[in-house]
Amino acid sequence: MATTEFGRAVRRWRDRVAPEAAGLPAGGARRAAGLRREELAMLAGISVDYVTRLEQGRAAHPSEQVVEALVRALRLSAPEREHLFRLAGLAPPGRGTVPAHITPGVQRMLDRLTGTPVAVFDAAWTLLLANPLYSALMGDQSAARGNERNAVWRNFLGPPGRVRHTPAERRAFEATLTADLRATVGRYPADVRLRRLVAELRAGSDRFAELWDSGAVGRHVAARKTIDHPRIGALTLDCDVLSAADGDLRLIVYSAEPGTRDAERIALLAVLGTQTLAERHA
């Protein structure tokens, strides 16, 4: 019964979110004014099939991560967020865990940065939301699950990404990520999921274990990165890490100096990304 009510709530809230309010194009014939299922799936980073099964009551026990992603995509208020968690049979995350709620102010900021690759990570470097241009630049992670969405896990245990590092840059990047994660553990010592992430990293990566055991505490900050994109070639961009104190969030923003070849390629990527989105909705 709760699963059925969960699906009904998702459908009802999906119908009230205007596409333009979610940063999506509103053109084309629509049977309803709200989001399509594929649009909700894209915004939440889950599959369309899973959204369908959730709404039809055929998928039981959605994870906390999935519920939080739907909360963000549907732009739910705090009471609505708590209600959706309870419909899923889950207790809303407490104050001792790493926050995963994107605040309205951060969401509005993302809505205005459609021409800039931007993603939001929580304090443990788990991807919460990426705008279409970020996904086009760094690769679509909408199908990623669990630790696959975590930047620390991906850098130590995942497949190679698109960012090109020299050996020295790789070592420095790994060191700052590990030090940043240790600082997060210090702020959220009771977070079970965070402790499991660290345990898996230590067990799977000798390099991470070495860095973790060094005890370094720090903050991952801005860098200049070269990204090898499979369609438009290499781009060298500034990567800024902005902090949102309300919610302990990290905004990753990629940018290029106006008038440069890299800026032109970002503009091209924006066009290609829009075309891809249109193809999905055709």
C-alpha atoms as a PDB file:
ATOM      1  CA  MET A   1       0.000   0.000   0.000  1.00  0.00           C
ATOM      2  CA  ALA A   2       2.787   2.417   0.925  1.00  0.00           C
ATOM      3  CA  THR A   3       4.556   1.694  -2.375  1.00  0.00           C
ATOM      4  CA  THR A   4       1.356   2.529  -4.277  1.00  0.00           C
ATOM      5  CA  GLU A   5       0.980   5.767  -2.329  1.00  0.00           C
ATOM      6  CA  PHE A   6       4.632   6.553  -3.035  1.00  0.00           C
ATOM      7  CA  GLY A   7       4.020   6.236  -6.771  1.00  0.00           C
ATOM      8  CA  ARG A   8       0.906   8.368  -6.603  1.00  0.00           C
ATOM      9  CA  ALA A   9       2.789  11.091  -4.738  1.00  0.00           C
ATOM     10  CA  VAL A  10       5.597  11.087  -7.300  1.00  0.00           C
ATOM     11  CA  ARG A  11       3.118  11.329 -10.194  1.00  0.00           C
ATOM     12  CA  ARG A  12       1.186  14.134  -8.501  1.00  0.00           C
ATOM     13  CA  TRP A  13       4.316  16.172  -7.755  1.00  0.00           C
ATOM     14  CA  ARG A  14       5.757  15.486 -11.223  1.00  0.00           C
ATOM     15  CA  ASP A  15       2.633  16.987 -12.786  1.00  0.00           C
ATOM     16  CA  ARG A  16       3.059  20.263 -10.924  1.00  0.00           C
ATOM     17  CA  VAL A  17       6.716  20.942 -11.905  1.00  0.00           C
ATOM     18  CA  ALA A  18       6.876  23.099 -15.028  1.00  0.00           C
ATOM     19  CA  PRO A  19       9.757  22.098 -17.357  1.00  0.00           C
ATOM     20  CA  GLU A  20      11.074  25.660 -17.532  1.00  0.00           C
ATOM     21  CA  ALA A  21      11.177  25.797 -13.714  1.00  0.00           C
ATOM     22  CA  ALA A  22      13.520  22.791 -13.839  1.00  0.00           C
ATOM     23  CA  GLY A  23      15.747  24.368 -16.490  1.00  0.00           C
ATOM     24  CA  LEU A  24      14.336  22.254 -19.334  1.00  0.00           C
ATOM     25  CA  PRO A  25      12.925  23.367 -22.702  1.00  0.00           C
ATOM     26  CA  ALA A  26       9.141  23.690 -22.629  1.00  0.00           C
ATOM     27  CA  GLY A  27       8.569  23.374 -26.383  1.00  0.00           C
ATOM     28  CA  GLY A  28       6.701  20.629 -28.153  1.00  0.00           C
ATOM     29  CA  ALA A  29       3.273  19.111 -27.646  1.00  0.00           C
ATOM     30  CA  ARG A  30       2.640  17.982 -24.074  1.00  0.00           C
ATOM     31  CA  ARG A  31      -0.274  16.019 -22.701  1.00  0.00           C
ATOM     32  CA  ALA A  32       0.316  17.614 -19.277  1.00  0.00           C
ATOM     33  CA  ALA A  33       1.989  20.788 -18.074  1.00  0.00           C
ATOM     34  CA  GLY A  34       4.428  19.022 -15.754  1.00  0.00           C
ATOM     35  CA  LEU A  35       7.541  16.952 -16.274  1.00  0.00           C
ATOM     36  CA  ARG A  36       7.603  13.907 -18.494  1.00  0.00           C
ATOM     37  CA  ARG A  37       8.853  10.686 -16.954  1.00  0.00           C
ATOM     38  CA  GLU A  38      12.067  10.814 -18.956  1.00  0.00           C
ATOM     39  CA  GLU A  39      12.658  14.379 -17.762  1.00  0.00           C
ATOM     40  CA  LEU A  40      12.164  13.389 -14.127  1.00  0.00           C
ATOM     41  CA  ALA A  41      14.490  10.428 -14.675  1.00  0.00           C
ATOM     42  CA  MET A  42      17.178  12.683 -16.132  1.00  0.00           C
ATOM     43  CA  LEU A  43      16.871  15.233 -13.323  1.00  0.00           C
ATOM     44  CA  ALA A  44      16.954  12.528 -10.653  1.00  0.00           C
ATOM     45  CA  GLY A  45      19.754  10.525 -12.290  1.00  0.00           C
ATOM     46  CA  ILE A  46      17.754   7.294 -12.488  1.00  0.00           C
ATOM     47  CA  SER A  47      16.363   5.271 -15.387  1.00  0.00           C
ATOM     48  CA  VAL A  48      13.009   5.982 -17.044  1.00  0.00           C
ATOM     49  CA  ASP A  49      12.034   2.348 -16.500  1.00  0.00           C
ATOM     50  CA  TYR A  50      12.650   2.705 -12.768  1.00  0.00           C
ATOM     51  CA  VAL A  51      10.552   5.893 -12.587  1.00  0.00           C
ATOM     52  CA  THR A  52       7.748   4.033 -14.384  1.00  0.00           C
ATOM     53  CA  ARG A  53       7.924   1.075 -12.004  1.00  0.00           C
ATOM     54  CA  LEU A  54       7.959   3.387  -8.982  1.00  0.00           C
ATOM     55  CA  GLU A  55       4.924   5.309 -10.198  1.00  0.00           C
ATOM     56  CA  GLN A  56       3.030   2.114 -11.004  1.00  0.00           C
ATOM     57  CA  GLY A  57       3.853   0.570  -7.629  1.00  0.00           C
ATOM     58  CA  ARG A  58       5.899  -2.237  -9.197  1.00  0.00           C
ATOM     59  CA  ALA A  59       9.228  -1.241  -7.588  1.00  0.00           C
ATOM     60  CA  ALA A  60       9.414  -1.823  -3.858  1.00  0.00           C
ATOM     61  CA  HIS A  61      11.715  -0.245  -1.297  1.00  0.00           C
ATOM     62  CA  PRO A  62      13.448   2.604  -3.163  1.00  0.00           C
ATOM     63  CA  SER A  63      16.764   3.471  -1.573  1.00  0.00           C
ATOM     64  CA  GLU A  64      17.404   6.597   0.477  1.00  0.00           C
ATOM     65  CA  GLN A  65      19.587   7.887  -2.362  1.00  0.00           C
ATOM     66  CA  VAL A  66      16.798   7.447  -4.923  1.00  0.00           C
ATOM     67  CA  VAL A  67      14.232   9.155  -2.685  1.00  0.00           C
ATOM     68  CA  GLU A  68      16.587  12.086  -2.074  1.00  0.00           C
ATOM     69  CA  ALA A  69      17.193  12.390  -5.819  1.00  0.00           C
ATOM     70  CA  LEU A  70      13.442  12.503  -6.453  1.00  0.00           C
ATOM     71  CA  VAL A  71      13.043  15.118  -3.717  1.00  0.00           C
ATOM     72  CA  ARG A  72      15.540  17.357  -5.516  1.00  0.00           C
ATOM     73  CA  ALA A  73      14.091  16.780  -8.977  1.00  0.00           C
ATOM     74  CA  LEU A  74      10.533  17.409  -7.785  1.00  0.00           C
ATOM     75  CA  ARG A  75      11.594  20.457  -5.727  1.00  0.00           C
ATOM     76  CA  LEU A  76       9.783  19.307  -2.642  1.00  0.00           C
ATOM     77  CA  SER A  77       9.457  21.345   0.517  1.00  0.00           C
ATOM     78  CA  ALA A  78      10.861  20.053   3.804  1.00  0.00           C
ATOM     79  CA  PRO A  79       7.492  18.581   4.955  1.00  0.00           C
ATOM     80  CA  GLU A  80       6.953  16.986   1.523  1.00  0.00           C
ATOM     81  CA  ARG A  81      10.471  15.529   1.651  1.00  0.00           C
ATOM     82  CA  GLU A  82       9.764  13.947   5.018  1.00  0.00           C
ATOM     83  CA  HIS A  83       6.441  12.597   3.737  1.00  0.00           C
ATOM     84  CA  LEU A  84       8.043  10.975   0.672  1.00  0.00           C
ATOM     85  CA  PHE A  85      10.694   9.303   2.810  1.00  0.00           C
ATOM     86  CA  ARG A  86       8.028   7.865   5.072  1.00  0.00           C
ATOM     87  CA  LEU A  87       5.976   6.638   2.088  1.00  0.00           C
ATOM     88  CA  ALA A  88       9.126   4.784   0.983  1.00  0.00           C
ATOM     89  CA  GLY A  89       9.314   3.150   4.407  1.00  0.00           C
ATOM     90  CA  LEU A  90      12.398   5.159   5.349  1.00  0.00           C
ATOM     91  CA  ALA A  91      13.190   7.545   8.160  1.00  0.00           C
ATOM     92  CA  PRO A  92      14.379  10.945   6.881  1.00  0.00           C
ATOM     93  CA  PRO A  93      18.169  11.256   7.345  1.00  0.00           C
ATOM     94  CA  GLY A  94      19.115  12.726  10.693  1.00  0.00           C
ATOM     95  CA  ARG A  95      21.472  15.539  11.522  1.00  0.00           C
ATOM     96  CA  GLY A  96      24.400  13.196  12.097  1.00  0.00           C
ATOM     97  CA  THR A  97      24.582  12.144   8.445  1.00  0.00           C
ATOM     98  CA  VAL A  98      26.091  13.928   5.447  1.00  0.00           C
ATOM     99  CA  PRO A  99      23.354  16.237   4.074  1.00  0.00           C
ATOM    100  CA  ALA A 100      22.076  15.421   0.605  1.00  0.00           C
ATOM    101  CA  HIS A 101      19.365  18.056   0.286  1.00  0.00           C
ATOM    102  CA  ILE A 102      19.925  20.772  -2.318  1.00  0.00           C
ATOM    103  CA  THR A 103      18.670  24.025  -0.880  1.00  0.00           C
ATOM    104  CA  PRO A 104      16.303  26.266  -2.907  1.00  0.00           C
ATOM    105  CA  GLY A 105      19.014  28.931  -3.244  1.00  0.00           C
ATOM    106  CA  VAL A 106      21.488  26.467  -4.744  1.00  0.00           C
ATOM    107  CA  GLN A 107      18.782  25.129  -7.051  1.00  0.00           C
ATOM    108  CA  ARG A 108      18.002  28.632  -8.313  1.00  0.00           C
ATOM    109  CA  MET A 109      21.692  29.214  -8.935  1.00  0.00           C
ATOM    110  CA  LEU A 110      21.855  26.049 -11.037  1.00  0.00           C
ATOM    111  CA  ASP A 111      18.814  27.135 -13.012  1.00  0.00           C
ATOM    112  CA  ARG A 112      20.635  30.307 -14.064  1.00  0.00           C
ATOM    113  CA  LEU A 113      23.884  28.578 -15.079  1.00  0.00           C
ATOM    114  CA  THR A 114      22.546  26.619 -18.030  1.00  0.00           C
ATOM    115  CA  GLY A 115      25.474  27.686 -20.236  1.00  0.00           C
ATOM    116  CA  THR A 116      28.072  26.531 -17.687  1.00  0.00           C
ATOM    117  CA  PRO A 117      28.953  22.942 -16.707  1.00  0.00           C
ATOM    118  CA  VAL A 118      27.930  22.687 -13.043  1.00  0.00           C
ATOM    119  CA  ALA A 119      27.453  19.776 -10.663  1.00  0.00           C
ATOM    120  CA  VAL A 120      26.542  19.562  -6.989  1.00  0.00           C
ATOM    121  CA  PHE A 121      28.268  17.098  -4.666  1.00  0.00           C
ATOM    122  CA  ASP A 122      27.662  16.439  -0.999  1.00  0.00           C
ATOM    123  CA  ALA A 123      30.418  16.762   1.592  1.00  0.00           C
ATOM    124  CA  ALA A 124      31.531  13.164   0.939  1.00  0.00           C
ATOM    125  CA  TRP A 125      31.901  13.906  -2.801  1.00  0.00           C
ATOM    126  CA  THR A 126      28.848  11.945  -3.894  1.00  0.00           C
ATOM    127  CA  LEU A 127      27.231  13.436  -6.995  1.00  0.00           C
ATOM    128  CA  LEU A 128      23.772  14.803  -6.200  1.00  0.00           C
ATOM    129  CA  LEU A 129      22.943  16.677  -9.384  1.00  0.00           C
ATOM    130  CA  ALA A 130      24.643  17.581 -12.658  1.00  0.00           C
ATOM    131  CA  ASN A 131      23.228  19.963 -15.219  1.00  0.00           C
ATOM    132  CA  PRO A 132      23.047  18.722 -18.842  1.00  0.00           C
ATOM    133  CA  LEU A 133      26.192  20.588 -19.878  1.00  0.00           C
ATOM    134  CA  TYR A 134      28.230  19.045 -17.056  1.00  0.00           C
ATOM    135  CA  SER A 135      26.981  15.594 -18.052  1.00  0.00           C
ATOM    136  CA  ALA A 136      27.884  16.297 -21.676  1.00  0.00           C
ATOM    137  CA  LEU A 137      31.366  17.405 -20.639  1.00  0.00           C
ATOM    138  CA  MET A 138      32.245  14.765 -18.039  1.00  0.00           C
ATOM    139  CA  GLY A 139      30.033  11.874 -19.095  1.00  0.00           C
ATOM    140  CA  ASP A 140      26.495  10.924 -18.124  1.00  0.00           C
ATOM    141  CA  GLN A 141      26.358   9.337 -14.681  1.00  0.00           C
ATOM    142  CA  SER A 142      22.582   8.976 -14.510  1.00  0.00           C
ATOM    143  CA  ALA A 143      22.885   5.184 -14.531  1.00  0.00           C
ATOM    144  CA  ALA A 144      25.525   5.128 -11.779  1.00  0.00           C
ATOM    145  CA  ARG A 145      24.452   3.669  -8.458  1.00  0.00           C
ATOM    146  CA  GLY A 146      25.822   3.732  -4.921  1.00  0.00           C
ATOM    147  CA  ASN A 147      29.526   4.446  -4.653  1.00  0.00           C
ATOM    148  CA  GLU A 148      29.774   4.709  -8.445  1.00  0.00           C
ATOM    149  CA  ARG A 149      28.437   8.253  -7.977  1.00  0.00           C
ATOM    150  CA  ASN A 150      31.184   9.132  -5.505  1.00  0.00           C
ATOM    151  CA  ALA A 151      34.132  11.096  -6.911  1.00  0.00           C
ATOM    152  CA  VAL A 152      36.632   9.685  -4.398  1.00  0.00           C
ATOM    153  CA  TRP A 153      35.580   6.106  -5.145  1.00  0.00           C
ATOM    154  CA  ARG A 154      35.664   6.711  -8.897  1.00  0.00           C
ATOM    155  CA  ASN A 155      39.177   8.180  -8.758  1.00  0.00           C
ATOM    156  CA  PHE A 156      40.639   5.343  -6.721  1.00  0.00           C
ATOM    157  CA  LEU A 157      38.554   2.311  -7.729  1.00  0.00           C
ATOM    158  CA  GLY A 158      36.537   3.282 -10.803  1.00  0.00           C
ATOM    159  CA  PRO A 159      37.333   3.241 -14.526  1.00  0.00           C
ATOM    160  CA  PRO A 160      39.461   6.034 -16.028  1.00  0.00           C
ATOM    161  CA  GLY A 161      37.620   9.322 -16.464  1.00  0.00           C
ATOM    162  CA  ARG A 162      37.975  12.102 -19.008  1.00  0.00           C
ATOM    163  CA  VAL A 163      40.294  14.341 -16.980  1.00  0.00           C
ATOM    164  CA  ARG A 164      43.912  14.075 -18.087  1.00  0.00           C
ATOM    165  CA  HIS A 165      46.467  14.107 -15.249  1.00  0.00           C
ATOM    166  CA  THR A 166      50.224  13.995 -15.242  1.00  0.00           C
ATOM    167  CA  PRO A 167      51.565  11.547 -12.624  1.00  0.00           C
ATOM    168  CA  ALA A 168      52.383  14.460 -10.306  1.00  0.00           C
ATOM    169  CA  GLU A 169      48.931  15.994 -10.791  1.00  0.00           C
ATOM    170  CA  ARG A 170      47.308  12.623 -10.123  1.00  0.00           C
ATOM    171  CA  ARG A 171      49.186  12.200  -6.837  1.00  0.00           C
ATOM    172  CA  ALA A 172      48.317  15.722  -5.697  1.00  0.00           C
ATOM    173  CA  PHE A 173      44.663  15.298  -6.665  1.00  0.00           C
ATOM    174  CA  GLU A 174      44.373  12.008  -4.790  1.00  0.00           C
ATOM    175  CA  ALA A 175      46.001  13.541  -1.717  1.00  0.00           C
ATOM    176  CA  THR A 176      43.645  16.529  -1.589  1.00  0.00           C
ATOM    177  CA  LEU A 177      40.542  14.395  -2.153  1.00  0.00           C
ATOM    178  CA  THR A 178      41.555  12.046   0.658  1.00  0.00           C
ATOM    179  CA  ALA A 179      42.345  14.888   3.036  1.00  0.00           C
ATOM    180  CA  ASP A 180      38.993  16.494   2.213  1.00  0.00           C
ATOM    181  CA  LEU A 181      37.147  13.236   2.883  1.00  0.00           C
ATOM    182  CA  ARG A 182      38.903  12.882   6.245  1.00  0.00           C
ATOM    183  CA  ALA A 183      37.695  16.367   7.206  1.00  0.00           C
ATOM    184  CA  THR A 184      34.152  15.281   6.310  1.00  0.00           C
ATOM    185  CA  VAL A 185      34.436  12.172   8.478  1.00  0.00           C
ATOM    186  CA  GLY A 186      35.457  14.458  11.323  1.00  0.00           C
ATOM    187  CA  ARG A 187      32.250  16.478  10.891  1.00  0.00           C
ATOM    188  CA  TYR A 188      29.980  13.437  10.523  1.00  0.00           C
ATOM    189  CA  PRO A 189      31.518  10.661  12.653  1.00  0.00           C
ATOM    190  CA  ALA A 190      28.168   8.870  13.077  1.00  0.00           C
ATOM    191  CA  ASP A 191      27.434   8.519   9.347  1.00  0.00           C
ATOM    192  CA  VAL A 192      27.392   4.761   8.688  1.00  0.00           C
ATOM    193  CA  ARG A 193      27.411   5.107   4.894  1.00  0.00           C
ATOM    194  CA  LEU A 194      30.472   7.367   5.082  1.00  0.00           C
ATOM    195  CA  ARG A 195      32.339   4.877   7.259  1.00  0.00           C
ATOM    196  CA  ARG A 196      31.490   2.099   4.798  1.00  0.00           C
ATOM    197  CA  LEU A 197      32.821   4.196   1.919  1.00  0.00           C
ATOM    198  CA  VAL A 198      36.127   4.731   3.710  1.00  0.00           C
ATOM    199  CA  ALA A 199      36.377   1.024   4.595  1.00  0.00           C
ATOM    200  CA  GLU A 200      35.783   0.005   0.967  1.00  0.00           C
ATOM    201  CA  LEU A 201      38.362   2.495  -0.273  1.00  0.00           C
ATOM    202  CA  ARG A 202      40.963   1.332   2.232  1.00  0.00           C
ATOM    203  CA  ALA A 203      40.357  -2.301   1.340  1.00  0.00           C
ATOM    204  CA  GLY A 204      40.414  -1.712  -2.421  1.00  0.00           C
ATOM    205  CA  SER A 205      43.196   0.847  -2.867  1.00  0.00           C
ATOM    206  CA  ASP A 206      46.664   0.708  -1.314  1.00  0.00           C
ATOM    207  CA  ARG A 207      47.186   4.308  -2.423  1.00  0.00           C
ATOM    208  CA  PHE A 208      44.070   5.497  -0.591  1.00  0.00           C
ATOM    209  CA  ALA A 209      44.996   3.497   2.507  1.00  0.00           C
ATOM    210  CA  GLU A 210      48.458   5.085   2.514  1.00  0.00           C
ATOM    211  CA  LEU A 211      47.029   8.596   2.180  1.00  0.00           C
ATOM    212  CA  TRP A 212      44.296   7.941   4.753  1.00  0.00           C
ATOM    213  CA  ASP A 213      46.763   6.602   7.300  1.00  0.00           C
ATOM    214  CA  SER A 214      48.885   9.736   6.901  1.00  0.00           C
ATOM    215  CA  GLY A 215      46.151  11.586   8.783  1.00  0.00           C
ATOM    216  CA  ALA A 216      46.176  14.656   6.541  1.00  0.00           C
ATOM    217  CA  VAL A 217      43.119  16.910   6.757  1.00  0.00           C
ATOM    218  CA  GLY A 218      42.419  19.504   4.094  1.00  0.00           C
ATOM    219  CA  ARG A 219      40.087  20.953   1.518  1.00  0.00           C
ATOM    220  CA  HIS A 220      39.890  20.228  -2.192  1.00  0.00           C
ATOM    221  CA  VAL A 221      39.911  23.570  -3.999  1.00  0.00           C
ATOM    222  CA  ALA A 222      40.187  25.026  -7.493  1.00  0.00           C
ATOM    223  CA  ALA A 223      42.327  23.546 -10.230  1.00  0.00           C
ATOM    224  CA  ARG A 224      42.939  23.845 -13.965  1.00  0.00           C
ATOM    225  CA  LYS A 225      42.025  20.663 -15.789  1.00  0.00           C
ATOM    226  CA  THR A 226      42.403  19.231 -19.265  1.00  0.00           C
ATOM    227  CA  ILE A 227      39.444  17.118 -20.326  1.00  0.00           C
ATOM    228  CA  ASP A 228      39.594  14.730 -23.272  1.00  0.00           C
ATOM    229  CA  HIS A 229      36.112  14.759 -24.742  1.00  0.00           C
ATOM    230  CA  PRO A 230      35.289  11.962 -27.232  1.00  0.00           C
ATOM    231  CA  ARG A 231      33.393  14.258 -29.629  1.00  0.00           C
ATOM    232  CA  ILE A 232      34.996  17.700 -29.465  1.00  0.00           C
ATOM    233  CA  GLY A 233      38.559  16.931 -28.390  1.00  0.00           C
ATOM    234  CA  ALA A 234      40.615  18.327 -25.537  1.00  0.00           C
ATOM    235  CA  LEU A 235      39.519  21.313 -23.440  1.00  0.00           C
ATOM    236  CA  THR A 236      41.563  23.044 -20.753  1.00  0.00           C
ATOM    237  CA  LEU A 237      39.208  24.645 -18.259  1.00  0.00           C
ATOM    238  CA  ASP A 238      39.214  26.281 -14.854  1.00  0.00           C
ATOM    239  CA  CYS A 239      37.552  24.050 -12.286  1.00  0.00           C
ATOM    240  CA  ASP A 240      36.283  25.999  -9.282  1.00  0.00           C
ATOM    241  CA  VAL A 241      34.945  24.366  -6.133  1.00  0.00           C
ATOM    242  CA  LEU A 242      32.337  26.578  -4.486  1.00  0.00           C
ATOM    243  CA  SER A 243      30.992  25.796  -1.018  1.00  0.00           C
ATOM    244  CA  ALA A 244      27.393  26.221   0.090  1.00  0.00           C
ATOM    245  CA  ALA A 245      27.567  26.365   3.868  1.00  0.00           C
ATOM    246  CA  ASP A 246      23.804  25.842   4.189  1.00  0.00           C
ATOM    247  CA  GLY A 247      23.690  22.133   3.435  1.00  0.00           C
ATOM    248  CA  ASP A 248      27.464  21.550   3.309  1.00  0.00           C
ATOM    249  CA  LEU A 249      27.383  21.216  -0.483  1.00  0.00           C
ATOM    250  CA  ARG A 250      30.127  21.533  -3.104  1.00  0.00           C
ATOM    251  CA  LEU A 251      29.436  23.137  -6.463  1.00  0.00           C
ATOM    252  CA  ILE A 252      31.881  22.171  -9.203  1.00  0.00           C
ATOM    253  CA  VAL A 253      31.936  24.807 -11.937  1.00  0.00           C
ATOM    254  CA  TYR A 254      33.920  24.518 -15.178  1.00  0.00           C
ATOM    255  CA  SER A 255      34.621  27.657 -17.197  1.00  0.00           C
ATOM    256  CA  ALA A 256      36.829  28.992 -19.973  1.00  0.00           C
ATOM    257  CA  GLU A 257      38.151  32.449 -20.712  1.00  0.00           C
ATOM    258  CA  PRO A 258      35.817  34.199 -23.192  1.00  0.00           C
ATOM    259  CA  GLY A 259      37.019  34.287 -26.780  1.00  0.00           C
ATOM    260  CA  THR A 260      39.286  31.249 -26.479  1.00  0.00           C
ATOM    261  CA  ARG A 261      39.092  27.979 -28.364  1.00  0.00           C
ATOM    262  CA  ASP A 262      38.032  26.263 -25.142  1.00  0.00           C
ATOM    263  CA  ALA A 263      35.112  28.695 -24.729  1.00  0.00           C
ATOM    264  CA  GLU A 264      34.043  27.941 -28.310  1.00  0.00           C
ATOM    265  CA  ARG A 265      34.129  24.217 -27.588  1.00  0.00           C
ATOM    266  CA  ILE A 266      31.987  24.672 -24.473  1.00  0.00           C
ATOM    267  CA  ALA A 267      29.457  26.539 -26.647  1.00  0.00           C
ATOM    268  CA  LEU A 268      29.570  23.695 -29.193  1.00  0.00           C
ATOM    269  CA  LEU A 269      29.074  21.173 -26.410  1.00  0.00           C
ATOM    270  CA  ALA A 270      26.007  23.089 -25.250  1.00  0.00           C
ATOM    271  CA  VAL A 271      24.499  22.715 -28.732  1.00  0.00           C
ATOM    272  CA  LEU A 272      25.346  19.021 -28.917  1.00  0.00           C
ATOM    273  CA  GLY A 273      23.898  18.469 -25.460  1.00  0.00           C
ATOM    274  CA  THR A 274      20.636  20.187 -26.396  1.00  0.00           C
ATOM    275  CA  GLN A 275      20.358  18.049 -29.514  1.00  0.00           C
ATOM    276  CA  THR A 276      20.905  14.896 -27.473  1.00  0.00           C
ATOM    277  CA  LEU A 277      18.198  15.920 -25.021  1.00  0.00           C
ATOM    278  CA  ALA A 278      15.779  16.580 -27.887  1.00  0.00           C
ATOM    279  CA  GLU A 279      16.512  13.142 -29.355  1.00  0.00           C
ATOM    280  CA  ARG A 280      15.691  11.482 -26.023  1.00  0.00           C
ATOM    281  CA  HIS A 281      12.287  13.182 -25.953  1.00  0.00           C
ATOM    282  CA  ALA A 282      11.430  12.502 -29.599  1.00  0.00           C
END
